[in-house]
Structure formats: C-alpha cells, structure tokens
Amino acid sequence: MGEILLLGSLTAFGAVTIDLYLPTLPAIARDYGTSAAAVQLTLSTFFVGMALGQLFFGPLSDRIGRRPTILIGCIVYVAASLFCALAPNIEALVAGRFFQALGCCAAMVTCRAIVRDRYDHRDSARIFSLLMLVLAIAPLLAPSIGGWIAIAAGWHAVFYVFVGVGLAIAAAVGLRLEESRSIATAQAARGQDVLSGYARLLGQRRLIGYLLVGAANGATLFSYIAASPDLVINVWGFSEGQFGLVFAAIAVGIVGSSQVNRALLKRRSPDTILAWATLGAAVAGAALWLVVDAPLVIFLPVLFVALSSNGLIAANASAGALNVDPLRAGAISGLMGGVNFGIGALASALGAAMHDGTARPLALNVAVALLVAAVAYHGLAKPR
C-alpha cells in the first residue's frame, strides 16, 4: 500500500499543480488587469510544457533510471515555482508555468513506466485504475484548498505551497522509491538514439490508436479544466467555494467509473472494456452537444456522464499502449504524455479562442474528442 500511495502521489503531481491553482485564476486576472482568456494561457502553456517535457523525460528514464529522472524534474519544479510566485506580470507567469510543467511531468511520465516495469498488461490496467483513488484527492480537495489559501494569503502563496510539494516529492522518492528499470531496458535505450526510437514506435498502428484514444479522451478533461473557472464562477454564478464542490463532483464520477473498471477487469480484458466504453462515451458526447442550451439541471448531469468516461478509458488505453513494447516503457510513456498534453493544450487553446460566455465551446470540444477516441480505438488499436 505504501508503494501505491507513492506512485499515486507521483501520478497526482501534475493534477495538484493544476487544481490547486484553478480558483486563483479570476484573482490573477484582476491583479494583472488582464482578461480571463489571457489568464487561461497559463494553463495552455502548462499543458505544452507537460507535452514537451514528457517526450524528453520518458526516454531519459529508460537511459539513466526512474529515480534520477524524477529527482531532476523536482529541482526544475521547485525553481520554477519560486519564479512564478515572484512573477511581475502575466507574461512572466505564463513562462514560469511552462517550466513548472517541465519539472512535474518527470514524475508523471516515469510513474507510468514504473507500473509497466512491475506489472503485465491486465495488472497494469488494474493498477492504473487503483491509482485513480489517490489521484482523486487532487480534484476533491485541491480547488477548495487553493481557494482558501488565496483568500487568506493571496494567490502568490499558492506557488510557495508548490515549492513545498516539490521538496516533499523529492524527499519521498529519494528515501522510499526503489529503482525498477531493468538491465534489458537500459541496453535497449543505449543502443538507439531518441529520435530513432520514437520513429520505430510511431510505426506501430496499434500504439498510435491507443495514444489517440487516451489523448482524445483526456482532452475532455483539459477542456473542462481550462473553461470551468470562468464558466462556473462568472457565467453560472457559483462562488469560489462552490466551484470546488462542482469540480469535486466530476472527480467523484471519474473515480467511481475507474473502480467499476477495476471490477470489470476481473472478468474482461482491457480491450473488451475499451471497445464498449469508447462507443458509450461518444454517445454521451453527442448528447452533451444536444443539451448545451438546456438548463443546468439537465446539462450538468450529461457533462458528468461524458467526463466520467475517463475512468473506463484512460487506464485501459495506457496499459494497452505500454504493452506494445515493454522494453521501451519510458519512451512510450513519454509519447503518451506528449500526445495527451499536446492535444490537451490544443483543446484548451481552442476553447479560449471560441470563448463566448456560454458552455458551447466546452460541449463542442467534448463531443468531438469523444468521437475521435471511438474512431481511433475501433479503427486502429482494436486487436484484429
């Protein structure tokens, strides 16, 4: 259980860095005298940093080991968090968030590789679902805690909390995490340069399918994360404290479906679950677009169902991708993260560009993303 908690903390590193910060976005906009769309760039840039960083740190963890990679990332994260706390303007904050993302993504990308180092395909899916229990703490608690910190000490204080989080992760990894990279993985990584390794991986049809399934489904959450502060607080009229409750409700749905996935894995393969879950999610996405102008009492439950599909899709897509070539788990994890956050950054940027003071941009992003996930699985990843 101790190892699961540590792996869960590594998985949640990025989520905490996003969710603790979300309630401060309106205050940052007021402080810098800028628009909600401009402040959303701090999220889009963060997603870009997560995408690029994982492409670098994934292969690095195959080459030098899982523990050293995480510790390097923690150093970058702590330095970037201090810079953000002292940022004199929105442009500096945007730049700081990019480097903060580079730092924390090392833990996330390496954690997935550690799971594949230690577990097979079905068990990897089970462990990824179990990790969502730990991951759930971030959206359940972080937005409310971030709001309280901002009210008590200002939004700058949130970044000093991030400094403490980075130091705590580094200490836990240094003291408790055992190296899991195999000798065979190290030899494979040293025998091929990064670009050639990625080219070889990208030539595999099923891997491309799994990557697109996970990334498209994940884009629904990125779209919601980017749009929710302005939508929930400014458009729907909820308070900052109530925002945390709305955000937590979505997290409960994702965690609940992930535990349903754990139960289903006892009787069904990850691919069987993916086949049905992607189709069901696509139907939920279409329904969301159809009710976009309906009252919140209708729209919010449909949004809940559409976003909760992540719990049935993410773990199985991750396990499937990592099973394509287990000796390159770090590089595959890097590709997963790079594609996931790259598409997430695109989705959040599109949402910001389409911002019109309604839920239409969010609903459109979710509907299109879930349709893409279904097509990617049944057209590419599904075993023939």
Protein backbone atom coordinates (compact mmCIF):
# COMPACT_ATOMS: atom_id res chain seq x y z
CA MET A 1 0.00 0.00 0.00
CA GLY A 2 2.90 2.35 0.72
CA GLU A 3 4.19 1.92 -2.82
CA ILE A 4 0.73 2.57 -4.28
CA LEU A 5 0.44 5.78 -2.27
CA LEU A 6 3.84 6.94 -3.50
CA LEU A 7 3.02 6.07 -7.12
CA GLY A 8 -0.32 7.82 -6.69
CA SER A 9 1.46 10.92 -5.42
CA LEU A 10 3.71 10.91 -8.48
CA THR A 11 0.67 10.50 -10.72
CA ALA A 12 -1.15 13.35 -8.97
CA PHE A 13 1.82 15.76 -9.08
CA GLY A 14 0.61 17.48 -12.23
CA ALA A 15 -3.05 17.40 -11.19
CA VAL A 16 -2.24 19.12 -7.88
CA THR A 17 -0.25 21.76 -9.74
CA ILE A 18 -3.28 22.45 -11.92
CA ASP A 19 -6.16 22.05 -9.48
CA LEU A 20 -4.71 23.97 -6.52
CA TYR A 21 -4.17 26.88 -8.89
CA LEU A 22 -7.57 26.96 -10.63
CA PRO A 23 -9.55 29.01 -8.08
CA THR A 24 -6.92 31.76 -8.25
CA LEU A 25 -7.43 32.49 -11.98
CA PRO A 26 -10.04 35.23 -11.51
CA ALA A 27 -7.87 36.90 -8.84
CA ILE A 28 -4.80 36.74 -11.10
CA ALA A 29 -6.76 38.38 -13.91
CA ARG A 30 -7.83 41.18 -11.57
CA ASP A 31 -4.33 41.61 -10.11
CA TYR A 32 -2.64 41.89 -13.51
CA GLY A 33 -5.53 43.78 -15.09
CA THR A 34 -5.95 41.25 -17.89
CA SER A 35 -8.73 39.11 -19.39
CA ALA A 36 -9.91 35.61 -18.48
CA ALA A 37 -8.73 34.40 -21.90
CA ALA A 38 -5.21 35.77 -21.24
CA VAL A 39 -5.02 34.03 -17.87
CA GLN A 40 -6.16 30.77 -19.49
CA LEU A 41 -2.87 30.90 -21.41
CA THR A 42 -1.12 29.96 -18.15
CA LEU A 43 -3.00 26.66 -18.41
CA SER A 44 -2.44 26.17 -22.14
CA THR A 45 1.28 26.87 -21.72
CA PHE A 46 1.39 24.48 -18.78
CA PHE A 47 -0.07 21.75 -20.99
CA VAL A 48 2.53 22.49 -23.69
CA GLY A 49 5.29 22.15 -21.10
CA MET A 50 3.84 18.84 -19.93
CA ALA A 51 3.73 17.58 -23.52
CA LEU A 52 7.31 18.53 -24.42
CA GLY A 53 8.75 17.54 -21.06
CA GLN A 54 7.37 14.02 -21.16
CA LEU A 55 8.84 13.46 -24.61
CA PHE A 56 12.23 14.25 -23.06
CA PHE A 57 11.95 12.64 -19.63
CA GLY A 58 10.36 9.38 -20.83
CA PRO A 59 13.37 8.18 -22.86
CA LEU A 60 15.70 9.67 -20.24
CA SER A 61 14.17 7.38 -17.60
CA ASP A 62 14.91 4.37 -19.86
CA ARG A 63 18.50 5.53 -20.19
CA ILE A 64 19.52 6.76 -16.70
CA GLY A 65 16.85 5.19 -14.48
CA ARG A 66 13.49 6.09 -12.97
CA ARG A 67 14.66 7.65 -9.66
CA PRO A 68 17.27 10.09 -11.07
CA THR A 69 14.79 11.31 -13.68
CA ILE A 70 12.17 12.19 -11.07
CA LEU A 71 14.73 13.99 -8.88
CA ILE A 72 15.95 16.13 -11.81
CA GLY A 73 12.35 17.10 -12.50
CA CYS A 74 11.78 18.09 -8.88
CA ILE A 75 14.73 20.51 -9.00
CA VAL A 76 13.29 22.21 -12.09
CA TYR A 77 9.83 22.31 -10.49
CA VAL A 78 10.93 23.98 -7.27
CA ALA A 79 12.92 26.66 -9.11
CA ALA A 80 10.02 27.38 -11.49
CA SER A 81 7.51 27.60 -8.63
CA LEU A 82 9.63 30.26 -6.92
CA PHE A 83 9.82 32.19 -10.17
CA CYS A 84 6.01 32.07 -10.56
CA ALA A 85 5.50 33.33 -7.01
CA LEU A 86 7.59 36.40 -7.85
CA ALA A 87 6.31 36.93 -11.43
CA PRO A 88 5.87 40.69 -12.06
CA ASN A 89 3.34 40.32 -14.91
CA ILE A 90 1.15 37.81 -16.75
CA GLU A 91 3.82 37.16 -19.41
CA ALA A 92 6.34 36.12 -16.75
CA LEU A 93 3.74 33.90 -15.07
CA VAL A 94 2.99 32.18 -18.38
CA ALA A 95 6.70 31.47 -18.85
CA GLY A 96 7.09 30.23 -15.28
CA ARG A 97 4.17 27.85 -15.64
CA PHE A 98 5.84 26.34 -18.71
CA PHE A 99 8.97 25.43 -16.72
CA GLN A 100 6.90 24.32 -13.75
CA ALA A 101 5.20 21.85 -16.08
CA LEU A 102 8.56 20.60 -17.36
CA GLY A 103 9.52 19.78 -13.79
CA CYS A 104 6.45 17.98 -12.54
CA CYS A 105 5.93 15.94 -15.72
CA ALA A 106 9.09 13.94 -14.97
CA ALA A 107 7.31 12.26 -12.06
CA MET A 108 4.18 11.52 -14.07
CA VAL A 109 5.86 10.03 -17.12
CA THR A 110 8.24 7.95 -15.01
CA CYS A 111 5.44 6.64 -12.79
CA ARG A 112 3.69 5.02 -15.77
CA ALA A 113 6.95 3.34 -16.77
CA ILE A 114 7.43 2.05 -13.22
CA VAL A 115 3.99 0.44 -13.30
CA ARG A 116 4.81 -1.34 -16.58
CA ASP A 117 8.21 -2.39 -15.20
CA ARG A 118 6.45 -4.27 -12.41
CA TYR A 119 3.11 -5.46 -13.87
CA ASP A 120 1.74 -7.16 -17.02
CA HIS A 121 -0.97 -5.81 -19.36
CA ARG A 122 -4.09 -6.65 -17.33
CA ASP A 123 -2.47 -5.89 -13.97
CA SER A 124 -1.16 -2.57 -15.31
CA ALA A 125 -4.72 -1.57 -16.17
CA ARG A 126 -5.82 -2.62 -12.68
CA ILE A 127 -3.03 -0.61 -11.01
CA PHE A 128 -3.75 2.48 -13.12
CA SER A 129 -7.39 2.28 -12.03
CA LEU A 130 -6.30 1.88 -8.41
CA LEU A 131 -4.01 4.91 -8.69
CA MET A 132 -7.05 6.99 -9.58
CA LEU A 133 -8.18 6.61 -5.97
CA VAL A 134 -5.08 8.50 -4.89
CA LEU A 135 -5.28 10.82 -7.89
CA ALA A 136 -8.84 11.73 -6.85
CA ILE A 137 -7.56 13.58 -3.80
CA ALA A 138 -6.31 16.39 -6.05
CA PRO A 139 -9.63 17.45 -7.65
CA LEU A 140 -11.59 16.63 -4.48
CA LEU A 141 -9.50 18.80 -2.16
CA ALA A 142 -7.07 20.96 -4.14
CA PRO A 143 -9.50 23.55 -5.60
CA SER A 144 -11.04 24.24 -2.19
CA ILE A 145 -7.62 24.39 -0.52
CA GLY A 146 -6.30 26.64 -3.28
CA GLY A 147 -9.27 28.97 -2.80
CA TRP A 148 -8.71 29.13 0.97
CA ILE A 149 -5.01 29.86 0.52
CA ALA A 150 -5.74 32.60 -2.00
CA ILE A 151 -8.33 34.19 0.31
CA ALA A 152 -6.06 34.01 3.36
CA ALA A 153 -2.69 34.96 1.82
CA GLY A 154 -3.18 35.88 -1.84
CA TRP A 155 -2.65 33.85 -4.99
CA HIS A 156 1.16 34.18 -4.76
CA ALA A 157 1.07 31.95 -1.66
CA VAL A 158 -0.20 29.03 -3.75
CA PHE A 159 3.14 28.92 -5.55
CA TYR A 160 5.05 28.81 -2.28
CA VAL A 161 2.93 25.77 -1.44
CA PHE A 162 4.06 24.26 -4.74
CA VAL A 163 7.68 24.72 -3.60
CA GLY A 164 6.88 22.61 -0.55
CA VAL A 165 5.14 19.97 -2.67
CA GLY A 166 8.18 19.66 -4.93
CA LEU A 167 10.53 19.25 -1.98
CA ALA A 168 8.25 16.64 -0.38
CA ILE A 169 8.08 14.58 -3.61
CA ALA A 170 11.87 14.68 -3.94
CA ALA A 171 12.33 13.51 -0.35
CA ALA A 172 9.84 10.65 -0.74
CA VAL A 173 11.47 9.42 -3.95
CA GLY A 174 14.96 9.68 -2.51
CA LEU A 175 14.05 7.75 0.64
CA ARG A 176 11.35 5.28 -0.42
CA LEU A 177 11.36 4.52 -4.15
CA GLU A 178 13.36 1.55 -5.40
CA GLU A 179 14.76 1.59 -8.93
CA SER A 180 12.62 -0.56 -11.29
CA ARG A 181 14.28 -0.12 -14.69
CA SER A 182 15.61 -3.43 -15.99
CA ILE A 183 19.04 -4.06 -17.48
CA ALA A 184 17.37 -5.03 -20.77
CA THR A 185 15.57 -1.67 -20.88
CA ALA A 186 18.82 0.21 -20.24
CA GLN A 187 20.61 -1.71 -23.00
CA ALA A 188 17.78 -1.09 -25.48
CA ALA A 189 17.79 2.64 -24.68
CA ARG A 190 21.55 2.98 -25.06
CA GLY A 191 21.54 1.06 -28.33
CA GLN A 192 19.26 3.53 -30.10
CA ASP A 193 19.02 7.31 -30.18
CA VAL A 194 15.82 9.01 -29.02
CA LEU A 195 14.55 10.07 -32.45
CA SER A 196 15.11 6.63 -33.99
CA GLY A 197 13.36 5.04 -31.03
CA TYR A 198 10.35 7.30 -31.41
CA ALA A 199 10.27 6.67 -35.17
CA ARG A 200 10.17 2.92 -34.56
CA LEU A 201 7.37 3.25 -32.03
CA LEU A 202 5.31 5.57 -34.24
CA GLY A 203 5.40 2.96 -36.99
CA GLN A 204 3.17 0.66 -34.94
CA ARG A 205 -0.50 1.07 -35.81
CA ARG A 206 -1.95 -0.20 -32.54
CA LEU A 207 0.26 2.11 -30.49
CA ILE A 208 -0.94 5.11 -32.49
CA GLY A 209 -4.52 4.01 -31.82
CA TYR A 210 -4.03 3.68 -28.07
CA LEU A 211 -2.25 7.05 -27.94
CA LEU A 212 -5.11 8.78 -29.73
CA VAL A 213 -7.74 7.08 -27.56
CA GLY A 214 -6.08 8.23 -24.36
CA ALA A 215 -5.28 11.71 -25.63
CA ALA A 216 -8.70 12.42 -27.13
CA ASN A 217 -10.49 11.20 -24.04
CA GLY A 218 -8.12 13.19 -21.84
CA ALA A 219 -8.77 16.30 -23.93
CA THR A 220 -12.29 16.38 -22.50
CA LEU A 221 -10.82 16.94 -19.03
CA PHE A 222 -8.33 19.54 -20.29
CA SER A 223 -11.20 21.43 -21.93
CA TYR A 224 -13.21 21.33 -18.72
CA ILE A 225 -10.25 22.36 -16.54
CA ALA A 226 -9.49 25.35 -18.76
CA ALA A 227 -13.09 26.50 -19.12
CA SER A 228 -14.51 25.70 -15.69
CA PRO A 229 -13.26 28.65 -13.56
CA ASP A 230 -14.84 31.29 -15.81
CA LEU A 231 -17.84 29.13 -16.69
CA VAL A 232 -18.72 28.01 -13.17
CA ILE A 233 -17.94 31.25 -11.30
CA ASN A 234 -18.61 34.03 -13.80
CA VAL A 235 -21.25 32.52 -16.11
CA TRP A 236 -23.22 30.15 -13.89
CA GLY A 237 -22.81 32.33 -10.80
CA PHE A 238 -21.33 29.86 -8.32
CA SER A 239 -18.98 31.13 -5.59
CA GLU A 240 -15.28 30.17 -5.43
CA GLY A 241 -16.09 27.73 -2.63
CA GLN A 242 -18.95 26.18 -4.62
CA PHE A 243 -16.60 25.88 -7.60
CA GLY A 244 -14.56 23.40 -5.57
CA LEU A 245 -17.67 21.32 -4.93
CA VAL A 246 -18.67 21.27 -8.61
CA PHE A 247 -15.13 20.29 -9.56
CA ALA A 248 -15.10 17.57 -6.90
CA ALA A 249 -18.34 16.08 -8.21
CA ILE A 250 -16.72 15.45 -11.60
CA ALA A 251 -13.76 13.84 -9.84
CA VAL A 252 -16.10 11.50 -7.96
CA GLY A 253 -17.59 10.37 -11.26
CA ILE A 254 -14.18 9.63 -12.77
CA VAL A 255 -13.01 7.75 -9.68
CA GLY A 256 -16.25 5.79 -9.48
CA SER A 257 -16.01 4.66 -13.09
CA SER A 258 -12.34 3.75 -12.62
CA GLN A 259 -13.29 1.42 -9.79
CA VAL A 260 -16.02 -0.10 -11.93
CA ASN A 261 -13.22 -0.68 -14.43
CA ARG A 262 -11.16 -2.50 -11.77
CA ALA A 263 -14.10 -4.82 -11.11
CA LEU A 264 -14.70 -5.44 -14.82
CA LEU A 265 -11.02 -6.34 -15.34
CA LYS A 266 -11.55 -9.46 -13.23
CA ARG A 267 -13.79 -10.85 -15.98
CA ARG A 268 -12.99 -8.88 -19.14
CA SER A 269 -9.81 -7.86 -20.95
CA PRO A 270 -8.76 -4.19 -21.14
CA ASP A 271 -9.51 -4.19 -24.88
CA THR A 272 -13.02 -5.55 -24.45
CA ILE A 273 -13.79 -2.79 -21.95
CA LEU A 274 -12.28 -0.16 -24.26
CA ALA A 275 -14.42 -1.30 -27.18
CA TRP A 276 -17.67 -0.65 -25.32
CA ALA A 277 -16.51 2.34 -23.26
CA THR A 278 -15.37 4.37 -26.28
CA LEU A 279 -18.70 3.82 -28.01
CA GLY A 280 -20.67 4.77 -24.90
CA ALA A 281 -18.55 7.87 -24.39
CA ALA A 282 -19.12 9.01 -27.97
CA VAL A 283 -22.89 8.74 -27.42
CA ALA A 284 -22.57 10.79 -24.20
CA GLY A 285 -20.56 13.44 -26.04
CA ALA A 286 -23.21 13.75 -28.74
CA ALA A 287 -25.89 14.04 -26.07
CA LEU A 288 -23.93 16.84 -24.38
CA TRP A 289 -23.94 18.89 -27.57
CA LEU A 290 -27.67 18.34 -27.98
CA VAL A 291 -28.45 19.69 -24.48
CA VAL A 292 -25.90 22.53 -24.48
CA ASP A 293 -28.65 25.17 -24.24
CA ALA A 294 -30.71 23.26 -21.68
CA PRO A 295 -30.98 24.33 -18.01
CA LEU A 296 -28.08 23.37 -15.71
CA VAL A 297 -30.20 20.68 -14.07
CA ILE A 298 -30.01 18.82 -17.42
CA PHE A 299 -26.66 19.97 -18.78
CA LEU A 300 -24.55 19.22 -15.69
CA PRO A 301 -25.62 15.53 -15.32
CA VAL A 302 -24.86 14.88 -19.01
CA LEU A 303 -21.48 16.61 -18.62
CA PHE A 304 -20.87 14.42 -15.56
CA VAL A 305 -21.50 11.24 -17.57
CA ALA A 306 -19.37 12.35 -20.52
CA LEU A 307 -16.36 13.30 -18.39
CA SER A 308 -16.71 10.22 -16.16
CA SER A 309 -15.94 8.04 -19.19
CA ASN A 310 -12.28 8.81 -18.46
CA GLY A 311 -12.32 6.27 -15.64
CA LEU A 312 -13.24 3.45 -18.03
CA ILE A 313 -10.91 4.51 -20.83
CA ALA A 314 -7.68 6.07 -19.50
CA ALA A 315 -6.28 3.10 -17.55
CA ASN A 316 -7.02 0.58 -20.29
CA ALA A 317 -5.62 2.79 -23.04
CA SER A 318 -2.44 3.37 -21.01
CA ALA A 319 -1.97 -0.33 -20.28
CA GLY A 320 -2.56 -1.21 -23.94
CA ALA A 321 -0.01 1.32 -25.17
CA LEU A 322 2.67 0.26 -22.68
CA ASN A 323 2.14 -3.40 -23.61
CA VAL A 324 3.08 -2.77 -27.27
CA ASP A 325 6.82 -2.69 -26.44
CA PRO A 326 7.52 -3.20 -22.69
CA LEU A 327 11.28 -2.68 -23.08
CA ARG A 328 10.61 0.91 -24.14
CA ALA A 329 8.07 1.71 -21.43
CA GLY A 330 9.68 5.06 -20.66
CA ALA A 331 9.68 6.19 -24.29
CA ILE A 332 6.09 5.00 -24.79
CA SER A 333 5.07 6.78 -21.59
CA GLY A 334 6.74 9.91 -22.94
CA LEU A 335 4.78 9.60 -26.18
CA MET A 336 1.58 9.06 -24.21
CA GLY A 337 2.17 12.16 -22.15
CA GLY A 338 3.36 14.22 -25.10
CA VAL A 339 0.37 13.40 -27.27
CA ASN A 340 -2.04 13.67 -24.33
CA PHE A 341 -0.90 17.09 -23.19
CA GLY A 342 -0.31 18.30 -26.74
CA ILE A 343 -3.91 17.60 -27.69
CA GLY A 344 -4.99 18.91 -24.29
CA ALA A 345 -3.17 22.20 -24.93
CA LEU A 346 -4.81 22.42 -28.35
CA ALA A 347 -8.26 21.73 -26.89
CA SER A 348 -7.87 24.33 -24.14
CA ALA A 349 -6.49 26.89 -26.62
CA LEU A 350 -9.43 26.26 -28.97
CA GLY A 351 -11.79 26.66 -26.05
CA ALA A 352 -10.18 30.00 -25.18
CA ALA A 353 -10.36 31.14 -28.81
CA MET A 354 -14.05 30.18 -29.05
CA HIS A 355 -14.87 31.73 -25.66
CA ASP A 356 -18.30 33.34 -25.93
CA GLY A 357 -19.58 33.34 -22.37
CA THR A 358 -21.55 30.10 -22.84
CA ALA A 359 -20.92 26.35 -22.46
CA ARG A 360 -20.96 25.81 -26.24
CA PRO A 361 -17.13 25.73 -26.74
CA LEU A 362 -16.78 23.18 -23.92
CA ALA A 363 -19.60 20.99 -25.22
CA LEU A 364 -18.21 21.05 -28.76
CA ASN A 365 -14.70 20.13 -27.60
CA VAL A 366 -16.01 17.22 -25.50
CA ALA A 367 -18.29 15.86 -28.24
CA VAL A 368 -15.58 15.95 -30.94
CA ALA A 369 -12.90 14.48 -28.65
CA LEU A 370 -15.02 11.50 -27.60
CA LEU A 371 -15.93 10.78 -31.22
CA VAL A 372 -12.22 10.83 -32.15
CA ALA A 373 -11.45 8.41 -29.28
CA ALA A 374 -14.05 5.92 -30.51
CA VAL A 375 -12.82 6.09 -34.12
CA ALA A 376 -9.18 5.72 -33.01
CA TYR A 377 -9.84 2.59 -30.98
CA HIS A 378 -12.09 0.77 -33.42
CA GLY A 379 -10.07 1.87 -36.45
CA LEU A 380 -6.51 1.45 -35.16
CA ALA A 381 -6.00 -0.01 -31.68
CA LYS A 382 -8.59 -2.78 -31.62
CA PRO A 383 -6.97 -6.23 -31.97
CA ARG A 384 -7.65 -7.81 -35.36
